[in-house]
C-alpha cells in the first residue's frame, strides 16, 4: 500500500493524500495503477524527440538512412497500439459482409 501511495500521491501527483487515505476505493486504485504509464506520456515523447535530435546531429545519414526517433526507445504503449491495429479487410471479408447484409435486407447506399 505504501508503494501505491508513493506512486499516486508523491511521484505522479494524481490524487491528494487525503483522497487516497480516506476516500479511494479498491476499484479506483486498480484503474489508476493500470493507467500509470500514460501519466507522463507527452513528456516521455518529448524527451525521446530531443534525444533523437541530439543523436541525428552527430550521425552519418548515409550509414543509417532510415533512423528515426522510434529507434531510440520503444515505450510500452506503442506495443499496445501495434496490437490494437486492425488488419485491412480482405475481399473475402467484403463478400461475407455483403452476403450478411443481403440476408438482413440492409441497403448500403443508405448507411
C-alpha atoms as a PDB file:
ATOM      1  CA  UNK A   1       0.000   0.000   0.000  1.00  0.00           C
ATOM      2  CA  UNK A   2       2.874   2.383   0.701  1.00  0.00           C
ATOM      3  CA  UNK A   3       4.193   1.804  -2.821  1.00  0.00           C
ATOM      4  CA  UNK A   4       0.804   2.782  -4.268  1.00  0.00           C
ATOM      5  CA  UNK A   5       0.741   5.883  -2.081  1.00  0.00           C
ATOM      6  CA  UNK A   6       4.236   6.860  -3.218  1.00  0.00           C
ATOM      7  CA  UNK A   7       3.336   6.450  -6.885  1.00  0.00           C
ATOM      8  CA  UNK A   8      -0.078   8.109  -6.941  1.00  0.00           C
ATOM      9  CA  UNK A   9       0.389  10.884  -4.392  1.00  0.00           C
ATOM     10  CA  UNK A  10       4.069  11.729  -4.179  1.00  0.00           C
ATOM     11  CA  UNK A  11       5.610  10.841  -7.515  1.00  0.00           C
ATOM     12  CA  UNK A  12       2.836  11.384 -10.077  1.00  0.00           C
ATOM     13  CA  UNK A  13       0.616  13.844  -8.122  1.00  0.00           C
ATOM     14  CA  UNK A  14      -2.528  12.175  -9.453  1.00  0.00           C
ATOM     15  CA  UNK A  15      -4.577  12.326  -6.238  1.00  0.00           C
ATOM     16  CA  UNK A  16      -4.311  14.128  -2.926  1.00  0.00           C
ATOM     17  CA  UNK A  17      -3.113  12.326   0.174  1.00  0.00           C
ATOM     18  CA  UNK A  18      -6.472  12.936   1.863  1.00  0.00           C
ATOM     19  CA  UNK A  19      -8.404  11.384  -1.017  1.00  0.00           C
ATOM     20  CA  UNK A  20      -6.042   8.411  -1.224  1.00  0.00           C
ATOM     21  CA  UNK A  21      -6.191   7.674   2.508  1.00  0.00           C
ATOM     22  CA  UNK A  22      -9.847   8.428   3.220  1.00  0.00           C
ATOM     23  CA  UNK A  23     -11.955   8.019   0.092  1.00  0.00           C
ATOM     24  CA  UNK A  24     -10.246   5.957  -2.611  1.00  0.00           C
ATOM     25  CA  UNK A  25     -11.764   2.549  -3.237  1.00  0.00           C
ATOM     26  CA  UNK A  26     -10.004  -0.576  -4.466  1.00  0.00           C
ATOM     27  CA  UNK A  27     -11.767  -0.183  -7.801  1.00  0.00           C
ATOM     28  CA  UNK A  28     -10.328   3.310  -8.303  1.00  0.00           C
ATOM     29  CA  UNK A  29      -6.904   2.184  -7.181  1.00  0.00           C
ATOM     30  CA  UNK A  30      -6.849  -0.560  -9.801  1.00  0.00           C
ATOM     31  CA  UNK A  31      -7.807   1.917 -12.517  1.00  0.00           C
ATOM     32  CA  UNK A  32      -5.111   4.418 -11.518  1.00  0.00           C
ATOM     33  CA  UNK A  33      -2.404   1.793 -11.271  1.00  0.00           C
ATOM     34  CA  UNK A  34      -3.369   0.308 -14.624  1.00  0.00           C
ATOM     35  CA  UNK A  35      -3.021   3.683 -16.335  1.00  0.00           C
ATOM     36  CA  UNK A  36       0.190   4.986 -14.742  1.00  0.00           C
ATOM     37  CA  UNK A  37       2.250   4.608 -17.894  1.00  0.00           C
ATOM     38  CA  UNK A  38       0.011   7.239 -19.554  1.00  0.00           C
ATOM     39  CA  UNK A  39       0.548   9.853 -16.827  1.00  0.00           C
ATOM     40  CA  UNK A  40       3.688  11.356 -18.304  1.00  0.00           C
ATOM     41  CA  UNK A  41       3.362  10.127 -21.849  1.00  0.00           C
ATOM     42  CA  UNK A  42       3.807  13.560 -23.520  1.00  0.00           C
ATOM     43  CA  UNK A  43       6.955  14.244 -21.502  1.00  0.00           C
ATOM     44  CA  UNK A  44       8.409  10.862 -22.443  1.00  0.00           C
ATOM     45  CA  UNK A  45       7.677  11.540 -26.111  1.00  0.00           C
ATOM     46  CA  UNK A  46       9.293  14.964 -25.861  1.00  0.00           C
ATOM     47  CA  UNK A  47      12.445  13.544 -24.260  1.00  0.00           C
ATOM     48  CA  UNK A  48      12.695  10.888 -26.964  1.00  0.00           C
ATOM     49  CA  UNK A  49      12.387  13.554 -29.657  1.00  0.00           C
ATOM     50  CA  UNK A  50      15.112  15.676 -28.029  1.00  0.00           C
ATOM     51  CA  UNK A  51      17.372  12.622 -27.808  1.00  0.00           C
ATOM     52  CA  UNK A  52      16.674  11.914 -31.478  1.00  0.00           C
ATOM     53  CA  UNK A  53      17.687  15.452 -32.436  1.00  0.00           C
ATOM     54  CA  UNK A  54      20.931  15.184 -30.451  1.00  0.00           C
ATOM     55  CA  UNK A  55      21.793  11.819 -31.952  1.00  0.00           C
ATOM     56  CA  UNK A  56      20.853  12.718 -35.507  1.00  0.00           C
ATOM     57  CA  UNK A  57      23.040  15.840 -35.493  1.00  0.00           C
ATOM     58  CA  UNK A  58      26.113  13.694 -34.897  1.00  0.00           C
ATOM     59  CA  UNK A  59      25.156  10.803 -37.120  1.00  0.00           C
ATOM     60  CA  UNK A  60      26.116   9.807 -40.633  1.00  0.00           C
ATOM     61  CA  UNK A  61      22.851   9.648 -42.588  1.00  0.00           C
ATOM     62  CA  UNK A  62      24.491   7.609 -45.338  1.00  0.00           C
ATOM     63  CA  UNK A  63      25.149   4.737 -42.940  1.00  0.00           C
ATOM     64  CA  UNK A  64      21.739   4.935 -41.251  1.00  0.00           C
ATOM     65  CA  UNK A  65      19.235   6.411 -43.735  1.00  0.00           C
ATOM     66  CA  UNK A  66      16.118   5.021 -42.019  1.00  0.00           C
ATOM     67  CA  UNK A  67      16.958   6.117 -38.473  1.00  0.00           C
ATOM     68  CA  UNK A  68      14.067   7.842 -36.689  1.00  0.00           C
ATOM     69  CA  UNK A  69      13.018   8.753 -33.157  1.00  0.00           C
ATOM     70  CA  UNK A  70      11.312   5.413 -32.570  1.00  0.00           C
ATOM     71  CA  UNK A  71      14.667   3.655 -32.934  1.00  0.00           C
ATOM     72  CA  UNK A  72      15.945   5.297 -29.744  1.00  0.00           C
ATOM     73  CA  UNK A  73      13.451   3.764 -27.308  1.00  0.00           C
ATOM     74  CA  UNK A  74      10.151   1.882 -27.517  1.00  0.00           C
ATOM     75  CA  UNK A  75       7.537   2.682 -24.907  1.00  0.00           C
ATOM     76  CA  UNK A  76       5.056   0.101 -23.566  1.00  0.00           C
ATOM     77  CA  UNK A  77       2.035   1.884 -25.059  1.00  0.00           C
ATOM     78  CA  UNK A  78       3.485   1.616 -28.571  1.00  0.00           C
ATOM     79  CA  UNK A  79       3.412  -2.166 -28.334  1.00  0.00           C
ATOM     80  CA  UNK A  80      -0.223  -1.955 -27.213  1.00  0.00           C
ATOM     81  CA  UNK A  81      -1.092   0.324 -30.135  1.00  0.00           C
ATOM     82  CA  UNK A  82       0.504  -2.084 -32.586  1.00  0.00           C
ATOM     83  CA  UNK A  83      -1.525  -4.961 -31.154  1.00  0.00           C
ATOM     84  CA  UNK A  84      -4.746  -2.953 -31.361  1.00  0.00           C
ATOM     85  CA  UNK A  85      -4.406  -2.042 -35.028  1.00  0.00           C
ATOM     86  CA  UNK A  86      -6.864  -3.880 -37.219  1.00  0.00           C
ATOM     87  CA  UNK A  87      -5.783  -5.627 -40.369  1.00  0.00           C
ATOM     88  CA  UNK A  88      -7.272  -4.342 -43.617  1.00  0.00           C
ATOM     89  CA  UNK A  89     -10.363  -6.115 -44.837  1.00  0.00           C
ATOM     90  CA  UNK A  90      -9.850  -8.776 -47.470  1.00  0.00           C
ATOM     91  CA  UNK A  91     -12.078  -9.478 -50.456  1.00  0.00           C
ATOM     92  CA  UNK A  92     -13.468 -12.462 -48.562  1.00  0.00           C
ATOM     93  CA  UNK A  93     -14.444 -10.177 -45.673  1.00  0.00           C
ATOM     94  CA  UNK A  94     -16.307  -7.860 -48.051  1.00  0.00           C
ATOM     95  CA  UNK A  95     -18.146 -10.795 -49.625  1.00  0.00           C
ATOM     96  CA  UNK A  96     -19.153 -12.140 -46.214  1.00  0.00           C
ATOM     97  CA  UNK A  97     -20.373  -8.684 -45.132  1.00  0.00           C
ATOM     98  CA  UNK A  98     -22.320  -8.230 -48.350  1.00  0.00           C
ATOM     99  CA  UNK A  99     -23.867 -11.679 -48.001  1.00  0.00           C
ATOM    100  CA  UNK A 100     -24.919 -10.924 -44.410  1.00  0.00           C
ATOM    101  CA  UNK A 101     -26.304  -7.520 -45.415  1.00  0.00           C
ATOM    102  CA  UNK A 102     -28.407  -9.042 -48.200  1.00  0.00           C
ATOM    103  CA  UNK A 103     -29.919 -11.534 -45.796  1.00  0.00           C
ATOM    104  CA  UNK A 104     -30.657  -8.773 -43.296  1.00  0.00           C
ATOM    105  CA  UNK A 105     -32.070  -6.530 -46.059  1.00  0.00           C
ATOM    106  CA  UNK A 106     -29.557  -3.732 -45.470  1.00  0.00           C
ATOM    107  CA  UNK A 107     -29.227  -1.135 -48.232  1.00  0.00           C
ATOM    108  CA  UNK A 108     -25.578   0.037 -48.165  1.00  0.00           C
ATOM    109  CA  UNK A 109     -26.417   3.254 -50.021  1.00  0.00           C
ATOM    110  CA  UNK A 110     -28.460   4.431 -47.025  1.00  0.00           C
ATOM    111  CA  UNK A 111     -25.789   3.638 -44.452  1.00  0.00           C
END
